[in-house]
């Protein structure tokens, strides 16, 4: 259940993931999960990917609110050109990826840490730098 609505998360088959609620299911390539789960065994990769996708559903209200605030700021500061709006939308999606991964970590921080004990930190560093930079870029565009 997701805020009183039946939610669905499907990992695979194949390369696509699906997440949604009710009759709405959004297929998408698992690029972030692919990056973050490098080196993990199949069970850990599946469990963390599932929690990350469920994290998107759990954080959706916050992500929608955040996107609305960012678009309002872009409008107020007159950054409403197509490129500005695209940058803001990419930025808010990056922030949503951060929210979903924070949800994944918070779900069971000890188990999360255990999964990554002997795995290189490089993919996670790339994720945090990349998504953090994209998120900050949206703020720079809206507030400049």
Protein backbone atom coordinates (compact mmCIF):
# COMPACT_ATOMS: atom_id res chain seq x y z
CA UNK A 1 0.00 0.00 0.00
CA UNK A 2 1.19 3.50 -0.86
CA UNK A 3 -0.73 6.19 0.99
CA UNK A 4 -3.87 4.05 0.71
CA UNK A 5 -3.31 3.07 -2.94
CA UNK A 6 -1.96 -0.27 -4.14
CA UNK A 7 1.58 0.28 -5.37
CA UNK A 8 3.56 -1.98 -7.68
CA UNK A 9 7.30 -2.33 -8.16
CA UNK A 10 8.67 -4.83 -10.67
CA UNK A 11 12.37 -5.49 -11.18
CA UNK A 12 12.82 -6.93 -14.66
CA UNK A 13 12.27 -9.11 -16.52
CA UNK A 14 15.15 -8.07 -18.69
CA UNK A 15 16.57 -4.61 -18.36
CA UNK A 16 13.36 -2.67 -17.61
CA UNK A 17 11.90 -1.85 -14.20
CA UNK A 18 8.29 -0.81 -13.58
CA UNK A 19 6.95 1.30 -10.73
CA UNK A 20 3.53 2.78 -10.23
CA UNK A 21 0.24 2.70 -8.46
CA UNK A 22 -3.27 1.76 -9.42
CA UNK A 23 -3.40 1.28 -13.18
CA UNK A 24 -0.37 3.55 -13.76
CA UNK A 25 2.96 1.77 -14.20
CA UNK A 26 6.01 3.60 -15.48
CA UNK A 27 8.57 1.45 -17.31
CA UNK A 28 12.09 2.80 -17.12
CA UNK A 29 15.67 1.64 -17.54
CA UNK A 30 17.35 1.06 -14.16
CA UNK A 31 20.37 3.26 -14.87
CA UNK A 32 20.82 4.46 -11.28
CA UNK A 33 20.31 0.98 -9.81
CA UNK A 34 22.73 -0.43 -12.37
CA UNK A 35 25.38 2.09 -11.28
CA UNK A 36 24.80 1.83 -7.53
CA UNK A 37 24.58 -1.97 -7.38
CA UNK A 38 27.86 -2.72 -9.19
CA UNK A 39 29.65 -5.69 -7.63
CA UNK A 40 26.77 -6.84 -5.44
CA UNK A 41 25.51 -10.40 -5.50
CA UNK A 42 22.17 -11.00 -7.20
CA UNK A 43 20.11 -11.12 -3.98
CA UNK A 44 21.55 -7.88 -2.60
CA UNK A 45 21.23 -6.14 -5.98
CA UNK A 46 17.59 -7.21 -6.28
CA UNK A 47 16.68 -6.26 -2.69
CA UNK A 48 18.32 -2.83 -2.87
CA UNK A 49 16.92 -2.11 -6.34
CA UNK A 50 13.43 -3.02 -5.15
CA UNK A 51 13.74 -0.78 -2.08
CA UNK A 52 15.09 2.07 -4.23
CA UNK A 53 12.14 1.80 -6.63
CA UNK A 54 9.71 1.65 -3.71
CA UNK A 55 11.55 4.68 -2.33
CA UNK A 56 10.52 6.59 -5.44
CA UNK A 57 6.87 5.84 -4.65
CA UNK A 58 7.28 6.70 -0.96
CA UNK A 59 9.00 10.01 -1.68
CA UNK A 60 6.74 11.00 -4.59
CA UNK A 61 4.72 13.58 -2.60
CA UNK A 62 7.94 15.28 -1.49
CA UNK A 63 9.38 15.09 -5.02
CA UNK A 64 6.23 16.64 -6.52
CA UNK A 65 6.28 19.42 -3.91
CA UNK A 66 10.00 20.01 -4.52
CA UNK A 67 9.46 20.16 -8.29
CA UNK A 68 6.61 22.63 -7.82
CA UNK A 69 8.78 24.86 -5.64
CA UNK A 70 11.64 24.74 -8.16
CA UNK A 71 9.33 25.56 -11.07
CA UNK A 72 7.76 28.40 -9.06
CA UNK A 73 11.21 29.79 -8.29
CA UNK A 74 12.14 29.55 -11.97
CA UNK A 75 8.98 31.47 -12.83
CA UNK A 76 9.52 34.12 -10.15
CA UNK A 77 13.12 34.68 -11.27
CA UNK A 78 12.01 34.67 -14.92
CA UNK A 79 14.03 31.60 -15.86
CA UNK A 80 11.24 30.18 -17.99
CA UNK A 81 13.07 29.48 -21.23
CA UNK A 82 12.97 25.94 -22.57
CA UNK A 83 16.60 25.22 -21.60
CA UNK A 84 16.05 26.60 -18.08
CA UNK A 85 12.95 24.46 -17.54
CA UNK A 86 14.69 21.34 -18.88
CA UNK A 87 17.61 21.95 -16.50
CA UNK A 88 15.21 22.42 -13.58
CA UNK A 89 13.33 19.21 -14.45
CA UNK A 90 16.57 17.22 -14.76
CA UNK A 91 17.70 18.74 -11.47
CA UNK A 92 14.51 17.78 -9.68
CA UNK A 93 14.72 14.24 -11.04
CA UNK A 94 18.27 14.01 -9.69
CA UNK A 95 17.00 15.20 -6.31
CA UNK A 96 14.31 12.50 -6.46
CA UNK A 97 16.98 9.87 -7.13
CA UNK A 98 18.79 11.13 -4.03
CA UNK A 99 15.57 10.91 -2.01
CA UNK A 100 14.98 7.32 -3.18
CA UNK A 101 18.52 6.26 -2.29
CA UNK A 102 18.29 7.93 1.13
CA UNK A 103 15.06 5.95 1.62
CA UNK A 104 16.96 2.78 0.62
CA UNK A 105 19.74 3.50 3.12
CA UNK A 106 17.32 4.46 5.89
CA UNK A 107 15.24 1.31 5.34
CA UNK A 108 18.03 -0.76 6.93
CA UNK A 109 21.29 1.18 7.27
CA UNK A 110 23.19 -1.70 8.87
CA UNK A 111 22.22 -4.15 6.14
CA UNK A 112 22.96 -1.54 3.46
CA UNK A 113 26.46 -1.06 4.90
CA UNK A 114 26.95 -4.83 5.16
CA UNK A 115 26.06 -5.34 1.48
CA UNK A 116 28.75 -2.86 0.46
CA UNK A 117 31.51 -3.95 2.90
CA UNK A 118 33.82 -5.40 0.27
CA UNK A 119 32.52 -3.50 -2.74
CA UNK A 120 34.31 -0.54 -4.27
CA UNK A 121 32.90 2.83 -3.28
CA UNK A 122 33.55 4.37 -6.72
CA UNK A 123 30.05 3.82 -8.25
CA UNK A 124 28.40 5.33 -5.16
CA UNK A 125 30.77 8.30 -5.21
CA UNK A 126 29.92 8.83 -8.89
CA UNK A 127 26.19 8.67 -8.04
CA UNK A 128 26.39 11.19 -5.18
CA UNK A 129 28.63 13.63 -7.08
CA UNK A 130 26.58 13.38 -10.29
CA UNK A 131 23.13 13.69 -8.72
CA UNK A 132 24.33 16.30 -6.23
CA UNK A 133 25.83 18.39 -9.03
CA UNK A 134 22.65 18.14 -11.12
CA UNK A 135 20.52 19.11 -8.12
CA UNK A 136 22.72 22.13 -7.32
CA UNK A 137 22.71 23.15 -11.00
CA UNK A 138 18.92 23.51 -10.82
CA UNK A 139 19.26 25.83 -7.83
CA UNK A 140 21.94 27.88 -9.62
CA UNK A 141 19.69 28.27 -12.68
CA UNK A 142 16.62 29.26 -10.66
CA UNK A 143 18.40 31.66 -8.31
CA UNK A 144 20.83 33.33 -10.73
